[in-house]
Protein backbone atom coordinates (compact mmCIF):
# COMPACT_ATOMS: atom_id res chain seq x y z
CA MET A 1 75.49 131.95 146.04
CA LYS A 2 75.09 135.71 146.22
CA GLY A 3 77.33 138.06 144.29
CA SER A 4 78.64 139.50 147.58
CA ASP A 5 79.83 136.03 148.57
CA VAL A 6 81.98 135.65 145.45
CA HIS A 7 85.58 136.73 145.14
CA LEU A 8 87.23 136.94 141.71
CA GLU A 9 90.94 136.43 141.19
CA HIS A 10 93.25 136.96 138.22
CA LEU A 11 91.19 139.79 136.80
CA PRO A 12 92.61 141.32 133.59
CA ARG A 13 94.10 144.77 133.77
CA GLY A 14 91.35 147.36 134.00
CA ALA A 15 88.62 144.90 134.99
CA HIS A 16 86.47 145.50 138.09
CA TYR A 17 84.01 143.21 139.82
CA ASP A 18 81.01 144.91 141.45
CA LYS A 19 79.95 142.57 144.26
CA LYS A 20 76.71 144.42 144.93
CA SER A 21 75.38 143.85 141.40
CA ALA A 22 77.51 140.71 140.76
CA THR A 23 78.75 142.34 137.58
CA LEU A 24 82.16 142.22 135.97
CA LEU A 25 82.96 145.55 134.35
CA TRP A 26 85.70 145.70 131.74
CA THR A 27 86.41 147.51 128.51
CA PRO A 28 89.47 145.75 127.03
CA GLY A 29 92.16 147.81 125.37
CA LEU A 30 93.48 147.21 121.88
CA ASP A 31 96.49 145.48 123.43
CA GLN A 32 94.38 143.05 125.49
CA ALA A 33 93.12 140.62 122.86
CA GLY A 34 93.48 137.10 124.20
CA VAL A 35 92.06 134.37 126.41
CA TYR A 36 91.66 135.03 130.14
CA GLU A 37 90.70 132.61 132.88
CA ILE A 38 89.18 134.21 135.98
CA THR A 39 89.04 132.23 139.20
CA LEU A 40 85.85 132.35 141.30
CA LYS A 41 86.02 131.72 145.05
CA GLY A 42 83.25 131.73 147.63
CA LYS A 43 83.23 132.03 151.39
CA LYS A 44 83.19 128.27 151.74
CA LYS A 45 86.12 127.87 149.38
CA GLN A 46 84.01 126.83 146.38
CA VAL A 47 86.18 127.22 143.32
CA GLY A 48 85.11 127.78 139.74
CA ALA A 49 86.52 129.44 136.67
CA VAL A 50 85.26 131.53 133.81
CA LYS A 51 87.09 131.74 130.48
CA ILE A 52 86.77 135.01 128.61
CA GLY A 53 87.94 135.50 125.05
CA VAL A 54 88.65 138.96 123.68
CA ALA A 55 88.85 139.01 119.89
CA ASP A 56 91.53 141.02 118.13
CA ASN A 57 90.13 144.23 116.67
CA TRP A 58 91.95 143.79 113.34
CA SER A 59 90.13 146.59 111.53
CA HIS A 60 90.85 149.33 114.07
CA PRO A 61 93.37 151.86 112.68
CA ARG A 62 95.33 151.82 115.95
CA ASN A 63 95.23 148.08 116.51
CA VAL A 64 98.36 146.41 117.88
CA PRO A 65 99.81 142.93 117.22
CA VAL A 66 98.45 140.22 119.49
CA ASP A 67 100.50 138.34 122.07
CA PRO A 68 100.71 134.72 120.77
CA ALA A 69 101.13 133.36 124.29
CA ARG A 70 97.81 134.88 125.34
CA TYR A 71 95.90 134.76 122.05
CA THR A 72 95.48 130.97 121.86
CA GLU A 73 91.86 130.80 120.70
CA GLU A 74 89.40 132.90 118.76
CA TYR A 75 85.68 132.22 119.06
CA GLY A 76 86.50 128.71 120.26
CA LEU A 77 88.85 127.82 117.40
CA PRO A 78 92.60 127.37 117.96
CA VAL A 79 94.95 130.05 116.63
CA ILE A 80 98.13 129.35 114.68
CA HIS A 81 100.68 132.14 114.91
CA ILE A 82 103.37 132.28 112.23
CA GLN A 83 106.35 134.53 112.90
CA GLY A 84 108.63 135.30 109.94
CA ALA A 85 105.73 135.04 107.48
CA SER A 86 107.06 137.87 105.32
CA GLN A 87 109.89 135.57 104.17
CA LEU A 88 107.60 132.79 102.94
CA ASN A 89 107.83 132.04 99.20
CA PRO A 90 106.68 129.27 96.81
CA ASP A 91 110.18 128.10 95.87
CA ALA A 92 111.78 126.86 99.08
CA HIS A 93 111.03 126.21 102.74
CA VAL A 94 112.37 128.94 105.02
CA PRO A 95 112.79 129.02 108.81
CA ILE A 96 109.74 130.31 110.70
CA THR A 97 108.47 130.23 114.26
CA ILE A 98 105.05 128.77 114.99
CA ILE A 99 103.26 129.37 118.28
CA TYR A 100 100.28 127.12 118.94
CA ARG A 101 98.37 126.74 122.20
CA GLY A 102 101.31 128.27 124.03
CA HIS A 103 103.96 125.98 122.51
CA THR A 104 106.68 127.43 120.31
CA TYR A 105 107.97 125.40 117.35
CA ALA A 106 111.13 126.09 115.39
CA ALA A 107 109.69 125.12 112.00
CA GLU A 108 109.89 125.73 108.28
CA GLY A 109 107.28 126.91 105.82
CA LYS A 110 106.55 127.85 102.24
CA LEU A 111 103.73 129.12 100.09
CA ARG A 112 101.91 126.37 98.24
CA GLY A 113 99.66 126.07 95.23
CA SER A 114 99.81 127.06 91.57
CA SER A 115 96.83 129.11 90.39
CA SER A 116 95.93 129.91 93.99
CA LEU A 117 99.22 131.75 94.47
CA ALA A 118 97.44 134.68 92.84
CA PHE A 119 94.96 134.82 95.73
CA PRO A 120 95.59 137.54 98.32
CA LYS A 121 95.04 134.85 100.97
CA ASN A 122 97.56 132.06 100.33
CA SER A 123 97.95 128.44 101.41
CA TYR A 124 101.01 127.24 103.32
CA THR A 125 103.01 124.09 104.00
CA LEU A 126 104.45 123.86 107.51
CA LYS A 127 107.28 121.46 108.39
CA PHE A 128 108.18 120.41 111.93
CA SER A 129 111.29 118.73 113.30
CA GLU A 130 111.51 115.08 114.23
CA GLN A 131 112.43 116.15 117.77
CA ASP A 132 109.42 118.47 118.15
CA PRO A 133 106.53 117.34 115.91
CA PHE A 134 103.22 119.20 115.85
CA ASN A 135 100.55 118.16 118.33
CA GLU A 136 96.94 119.27 118.69
CA PRO A 137 95.88 118.10 122.18
CA GLU A 138 92.17 118.80 121.82
CA LEU A 139 91.33 116.37 119.00
CA GLY A 140 91.88 113.03 120.68
CA GLY A 141 95.16 112.27 118.95
CA ALA A 142 93.85 112.92 115.43
CA PHE A 143 96.68 115.40 114.93
CA SER A 144 99.53 114.10 117.04
CA ASN A 145 103.20 113.77 116.07
CA ARG A 146 102.71 115.46 112.69
CA ARG A 147 105.90 116.28 110.79
CA SER A 148 104.10 118.55 108.34
CA LEU A 149 100.74 120.23 107.83
CA VAL A 150 98.98 122.21 105.14
CA LEU A 151 97.06 125.39 105.86
CA VAL A 152 94.43 125.43 103.10
CA ASN A 153 93.16 128.90 102.26
CA THR A 154 89.41 129.42 102.08
CA PHE A 155 89.54 132.43 99.77
CA ASN A 156 87.54 130.75 96.99
CA ASP A 157 85.17 128.88 99.28
CA ASN A 158 82.90 131.20 101.23
CA SER A 159 81.27 128.25 102.97
CA TYR A 160 84.66 127.68 104.62
CA LEU A 161 83.89 123.98 104.95
CA ARG A 162 84.03 122.27 101.55
CA THR A 163 87.48 120.80 102.15
CA ARG A 164 86.54 119.47 105.58
CA LEU A 165 83.19 118.04 104.51
CA GLY A 166 84.73 116.56 101.36
CA PHE A 167 87.49 114.67 103.14
CA GLU A 168 85.01 113.46 105.75
CA LEU A 169 82.77 112.20 102.96
CA TRP A 170 85.78 110.35 101.51
CA GLY A 171 86.24 108.70 104.91
CA ARG A 172 82.61 107.57 104.93
CA LEU A 173 82.75 106.35 101.34
CA SER A 174 86.11 104.62 101.60
CA PRO A 175 87.08 104.03 105.25
CA GLU A 176 89.62 101.37 104.27
CA SER A 177 91.50 103.81 102.03
CA LEU A 178 94.23 106.29 102.97
CA GLN A 179 92.72 109.29 104.74
CA VAL A 180 93.41 113.02 105.05
CA LYS A 181 92.34 114.52 108.38
CA THR A 182 91.27 118.16 108.71
CA TYR A 183 90.09 120.75 111.22
CA SER A 184 89.57 124.53 111.28
CA ALA A 185 91.88 127.14 112.80
CA VAL A 186 92.49 130.87 112.70
CA VAL A 187 95.84 132.10 111.37
CA PHE A 188 97.82 135.17 112.41
CA LEU A 189 100.86 136.24 110.40
CA ASP A 190 103.47 138.25 112.30
CA GLY A 191 100.87 139.30 114.85
CA ALA A 192 98.19 140.34 112.34
CA TYR A 193 94.87 138.59 111.72
CA HIS A 194 94.84 136.66 108.43
CA GLY A 195 91.64 134.66 108.66
CA LEU A 196 90.03 131.26 108.90
CA TYR A 197 91.87 128.26 107.43
CA THR A 198 91.43 124.53 107.05
CA VAL A 199 94.29 122.61 108.63
CA ALA A 200 94.93 119.41 106.68
CA ASP A 201 97.34 116.52 106.71
CA HIS A 202 100.21 116.96 104.30
CA VAL A 203 100.11 114.01 101.92
CA ASN A 204 103.69 112.72 102.09
CA LYS A 205 105.74 109.74 103.21
CA HIS A 206 105.18 110.47 106.89
CA LEU A 207 101.39 110.38 106.46
CA MET A 208 101.66 107.14 104.49
CA ALA A 209 103.78 105.53 107.19
CA ALA A 210 101.36 106.66 109.92
CA GLN A 211 98.55 104.75 108.17
CA GLY A 212 100.43 101.54 107.44
CA PRO A 213 102.26 101.78 104.10
CA SER A 214 106.04 101.95 104.03
CA VAL A 215 107.77 105.28 104.55
CA ASP A 216 110.08 104.26 101.68
CA GLY A 217 107.31 104.00 99.06
CA ASN A 218 106.92 106.23 96.01
CA LEU A 219 104.32 108.99 96.15
CA TYR A 220 103.28 110.89 93.01
CA LYS A 221 100.96 113.84 92.54
CA ALA A 222 98.85 114.20 89.41
CA ASP A 223 99.70 117.81 88.66
CA THR A 224 98.09 118.48 85.28
CA GLY A 225 95.34 117.13 83.04
CA SER A 226 97.90 114.98 81.22
CA ALA A 227 98.08 112.64 84.24
CA ASN A 228 95.30 110.73 82.50
CA PHE A 229 96.58 107.12 82.49
CA ARG A 230 97.04 107.34 78.72
CA LEU A 231 100.03 107.43 76.42
CA VAL A 232 98.83 110.72 74.93
CA ASP A 233 98.55 114.00 76.78
CA LYS A 234 95.36 115.94 77.47
CA ASP A 235 95.52 117.42 73.96
CA GLY A 236 95.94 114.02 72.29
CA ARG A 237 99.65 114.35 71.52
CA PRO A 238 101.96 111.36 72.16
CA LYS A 239 103.77 111.63 75.47
CA PRO A 240 107.58 111.41 75.54
CA HIS A 241 107.14 109.22 78.64
CA PRO A 242 104.02 107.84 80.38
CA HIS A 243 104.44 109.91 83.55
CA VAL A 244 103.86 113.26 81.85
CA GLY A 245 101.55 115.25 84.14
CA TYR A 246 102.94 113.87 87.40
CA VAL A 247 105.47 115.13 89.93
CA LYS A 248 107.25 112.91 92.43
CA GLN A 249 106.49 113.87 96.00
CA ASP A 250 108.51 111.23 97.88
CA GLY A 251 110.54 108.09 97.27
CA LYS A 252 113.81 106.94 95.77
CA PRO A 253 115.20 107.59 93.21
CA GLU A 254 114.16 111.23 93.55
CA GLU A 255 112.69 113.19 90.65
CA GLY A 256 115.47 114.11 88.23
CA GLU A 257 117.43 110.92 88.89
CA PRO A 258 117.47 107.91 86.52
CA GLY A 259 114.58 105.53 87.16
CA ALA A 260 112.63 107.93 89.35
CA PHE A 261 109.34 107.19 87.56
CA ASP A 262 109.89 103.58 86.48
CA ASP A 263 107.08 102.05 88.54
CA LEU A 264 104.63 104.81 87.57
CA ASP A 265 105.51 104.45 83.88
CA ASP A 266 104.79 100.73 84.14
CA PHE A 267 101.46 101.41 85.90
CA VAL A 268 100.31 103.93 83.29
CA ARG A 269 101.32 101.62 80.42
CA PHE A 270 99.32 98.80 81.94
CA VAL A 271 96.16 100.87 82.32
CA ALA A 272 96.59 102.35 78.85
CA THR A 273 97.39 99.18 76.90
CA ALA A 274 96.29 96.04 78.77
CA SER A 275 93.72 93.84 77.09
CA ASP A 276 90.26 93.78 78.64
CA GLU A 277 90.97 90.35 80.09
CA SER A 278 94.30 91.42 81.57
CA PHE A 279 92.78 94.56 83.05
CA ARG A 280 90.01 92.49 84.63
CA THR A 281 92.25 89.76 86.04
CA GLU A 282 95.57 91.50 86.68
CA GLY A 283 94.29 94.97 87.51
CA PRO A 284 93.11 94.15 91.07
CA GLN A 285 96.56 92.69 91.76
CA ARG A 286 98.34 95.82 90.58
CA PHE A 287 96.12 98.47 92.17
CA SER A 288 93.59 98.74 94.97
CA GLN A 289 90.37 98.21 93.08
CA ARG A 290 88.32 99.74 95.89
CA ASP A 291 90.50 102.90 96.00
CA TYR A 292 90.22 103.56 92.28
CA GLU A 293 86.54 102.65 92.06
CA ASN A 294 85.86 105.05 94.90
CA TRP A 295 87.81 107.75 93.07
CA TRP A 296 85.09 107.62 90.42
CA ALA A 297 82.32 107.52 93.05
CA PHE A 298 83.87 110.46 94.90
CA ILE A 299 84.25 112.79 91.93
CA THR A 300 80.79 111.79 90.71
CA LEU A 301 79.14 112.54 94.03
CA LEU A 302 80.77 115.95 94.37
CA VAL A 303 81.01 116.87 90.66
CA ALA A 304 84.70 117.40 91.38
CA ILE A 305 85.67 118.31 87.84
CA ASP A 306 89.06 119.66 88.91
CA SER A 307 89.96 116.37 90.60
CA ASP A 308 88.85 113.80 88.03
CA VAL A 309 92.40 113.54 86.60
CA LYS A 310 94.76 115.91 88.37
CA ASN A 311 94.72 116.90 92.06
CA SER A 312 95.14 113.29 93.10
CA PHE A 313 97.95 111.33 94.74
CA HIS A 314 99.11 107.83 93.85
CA TYR A 315 101.25 105.77 96.20
CA HIS A 316 103.20 102.58 95.50
CA ASP A 317 105.67 100.52 97.47
CA PRO A 318 108.10 99.01 94.92
CA LYS A 319 108.81 96.19 97.39
CA GLY A 320 105.23 94.99 97.15
CA GLY A 321 101.62 96.00 97.49
CA PRO A 322 99.04 97.59 95.18
CA TRP A 323 98.86 101.16 94.00
CA ARG A 324 96.79 103.42 96.25
CA TYR A 325 94.80 106.60 95.55
CA ILE A 326 94.38 109.67 97.80
CA PRO A 327 92.13 112.66 96.90
CA TRP A 328 93.23 116.28 97.12
CA ASP A 329 92.13 119.87 96.43
CA LEU A 330 88.43 119.95 97.28
CA ASP A 331 87.53 123.63 96.94
CA GLY A 332 85.84 122.85 93.62
CA THR A 333 83.14 120.54 95.03
CA PHE A 334 79.58 120.62 96.37
CA GLY A 335 78.20 122.76 93.58
CA GLN A 336 81.04 125.03 92.54
CA THR A 337 84.24 125.01 90.49
CA TRP A 338 87.52 126.21 91.97
CA LYS A 339 86.71 129.49 90.22
CA THR A 340 83.45 129.63 92.27
CA GLN A 341 81.11 129.21 89.29
CA ARG A 342 77.96 127.30 90.17
CA LEU A 343 77.62 123.66 89.09
CA ARG A 344 74.16 122.20 88.76
CA PRO A 345 73.31 119.16 90.92
CA THR A 346 72.06 117.34 87.81
CA ALA A 347 75.48 117.22 86.10
CA ALA A 348 75.93 113.92 84.24
CA LEU A 349 77.79 111.06 85.86
CA ASP A 350 81.51 111.04 85.09
CA THR A 351 82.16 108.40 82.43
CA GLY A 352 85.95 108.64 82.38
CA THR A 353 86.18 110.70 79.21
CA ASP A 354 89.38 112.33 80.46
CA ASN A 355 90.65 109.50 82.69
CA GLU A 356 91.54 106.10 81.24
CA MET A 357 91.54 104.41 84.64
CA VAL A 358 87.97 105.50 85.29
CA ARG A 359 86.88 104.70 81.74
CA ARG A 360 88.21 101.17 81.96
CA LEU A 361 86.70 100.49 85.37
CA LEU A 362 83.29 101.57 84.09
CA ALA A 363 83.70 99.64 80.83
CA GLU A 364 84.28 96.35 82.68
CA PRO A 365 80.85 94.90 83.64
CA THR A 366 82.23 92.79 86.50
CA PHE A 367 83.58 95.99 88.09
CA ALA A 368 80.95 98.53 87.06
CA GLY A 369 77.83 96.60 88.06
CA PRO A 370 78.76 96.06 91.72
CA LEU A 371 80.27 99.54 91.93
CA LYS A 372 77.05 101.17 90.76
CA ALA A 373 74.97 99.09 93.15
CA ARG A 374 77.29 99.85 96.06
CA LEU A 375 77.23 103.59 95.44
CA ARG A 376 73.45 103.65 95.20
CA ALA A 377 73.17 101.76 98.50
CA GLU A 378 75.56 104.24 100.15
CA LEU A 379 73.30 107.15 99.14
CA SER A 380 70.80 105.99 101.75
CA GLY A 381 73.40 104.57 104.15
CA GLU A 382 76.61 106.17 105.40
CA LEU A 383 76.30 108.89 102.77
CA SER A 384 72.64 109.71 103.37
CA PRO A 385 71.61 113.36 103.13
CA VAL A 386 70.35 113.23 106.72
CA LEU A 387 73.81 112.34 108.02
CA LEU A 388 75.60 114.79 105.74
CA HIS A 389 73.21 117.61 106.63
CA ALA A 390 73.80 116.94 110.32
CA ARG A 391 77.55 117.10 109.83
CA LEU A 392 77.19 120.24 107.71
CA ASP A 393 75.25 121.88 110.53
CA THR A 394 77.81 120.86 113.14
CA ILE A 395 80.76 122.27 111.21
CA ALA A 396 78.88 125.44 110.26
CA GLN A 397 77.98 126.08 113.89
CA GLU A 398 81.57 125.43 114.99
CA ILE A 399 83.15 127.82 112.50
CA GLY A 400 80.28 130.30 112.11
CA PRO A 401 81.60 133.24 114.18
CA SER A 402 85.09 132.89 112.66
CA ALA A 403 83.68 132.50 109.14
CA ARG A 404 81.66 135.70 109.45
CA ARG A 405 84.74 137.49 110.82
CA ASP A 406 86.83 136.24 107.90
CA GLU A 407 84.05 137.30 105.56
CA ALA A 408 84.28 140.85 106.89
CA ARG A 409 88.04 140.80 106.29
CA TRP A 410 88.10 139.33 102.78
CA MET A 411 84.65 139.77 101.19
CA ALA A 412 85.50 142.83 99.10
CA GLN A 413 88.61 141.18 97.65
CA TYR A 414 86.77 137.87 97.19
CA ARG A 415 83.92 139.42 95.22
CA GLY A 416 86.26 141.64 93.23
CA PHE A 417 88.73 138.92 92.27
CA PRO A 418 89.15 138.97 88.45
CA LEU A 419 88.49 135.25 87.89
CA TRP A 420 84.92 135.51 89.13
CA SER A 421 84.11 139.20 89.69
CA GLN A 422 81.51 139.01 86.90
CA ARG A 423 79.27 136.77 89.02
CA THR A 424 75.85 138.09 89.91
CA ASP A 425 74.94 135.34 92.37
CA PHE A 426 77.32 135.93 95.29
CA THR A 427 76.25 134.59 98.67
CA THR A 428 77.13 135.23 102.29
CA PHE A 429 78.58 132.47 104.47
CA ASP A 430 75.16 131.54 105.82
CA GLU A 431 73.61 131.55 102.36
CA GLU A 432 76.42 129.40 100.97
CA VAL A 433 75.94 126.79 103.70
CA GLU A 434 72.26 126.65 102.79
CA TYR A 435 73.20 126.40 99.10
CA ILE A 436 75.35 123.33 99.86
CA ARG A 437 72.54 121.77 101.89
CA GLN A 438 70.08 122.08 99.04
CA TRP A 439 72.67 121.00 96.47
CA ILE A 440 73.37 117.76 98.38
CA THR A 441 69.66 116.97 98.56
CA GLN A 442 69.17 117.54 94.84
CA ARG A 443 72.41 115.83 93.77
CA TRP A 444 71.72 112.70 95.81
CA ALA A 445 68.17 112.43 94.43
CA PHE A 446 69.50 112.82 90.89
CA LEU A 447 72.20 110.18 91.37
CA ASP A 448 69.75 107.74 92.88
CA SER A 449 67.51 108.02 89.84
CA GLN A 450 70.42 107.80 87.39
CA LEU A 451 72.03 104.79 89.06
CA ALA A 452 68.67 103.05 89.10
CA GLU A 453 68.36 103.46 85.31
CA GLY A 454 71.63 101.71 84.54
CA PRO A 455 74.41 102.28 81.98
CA ARG A 456 72.18 104.18 79.52
CA ALA A 457 71.91 107.04 82.02
CA TRP A 458 75.69 107.20 82.47
CA ALA A 459 76.25 108.40 78.94
CA SER A 460 73.79 111.28 79.25
């Protein structure tokens, strides 16, 4: 069909279609950032459409706030607009308005994190009402009817994909366990560009109930290194109660009320004091053996040294059922700490030095032998480098334009941040993706050789 036979409708303000050259001419203004759909019609009524995205020019000194109703995507990723962001704080949820794919939610939000609160790019918890839960229509129901979400900042991960790839690896390693779903989105705060984020499930009672366990169960977060399944804290001092190091996320009685930690105290005492025979025979009745074995496999694969004790969730239904484990906080994985320092792919296998649950699982031959064999088999199966590299490439391609845009916004502050400004090995987004690729290859080869050697290699 010739250009002269085409008629364009719904042109943006200032746009002109030259039929003779079949060229659309348009220089968008600073107030025209957004997504536009132009209708194409021919003489014989053929109808088509072209979607044009105009990215917000955040760095221009005369830039104007975007229109959330029109600015629904950026480089193919969905955009989350938070209005009232200036009121967000780490102490309490406050009312905010969230606009997402044209839908407006009356929601609540707060800043989240501990050490990461010092980052100039923060993480957030978003809460939605029972009457109007969050829905993402483009992901096949993976994020439907969500009562709360977490926006995970990528400030200390310039690959922008460690959290996503890590939780997906957990799903491959332990598909029968409780899962945390993720995807990538761009965030605007009060009309201003704030960067690329990982959207993640909020680990709480609603997520538990959506995956089968009771909404009335108890959910605890391991908050410090003293959540070590021992009766002494991380410094070797006797604990006043076994649950030192944990906070209660959900369940009754609530934290601060009598009996709030009774079931957790009993669980920690069992792991800390049970005889070898009792641990072997009663342990699998008290806790999901596969969940807790895979905790060790997971942190060993990723050298997740910030998640080997803390940054984990533990769920229990007092009315019945075993304890369950859920991972969290995966910025310090795939070859870096949460402070961005490099971690060699030949780091020794975790032997449970700081975690009594892991130590006891590895000390019991009837558990450790099959676990080691299963992990080694997975290295060439569902966890093979070929599959992980393919997924790495897919995510990197999906987020690439947004990651490079975020990099332009935050790189100077990232590289100058006091916790790691002394580094001399900074990478760009593309270089960091390649670093992860090579690290996976080398780590998997190292683990395969170590697991083949047996227990002697574990103590190296």
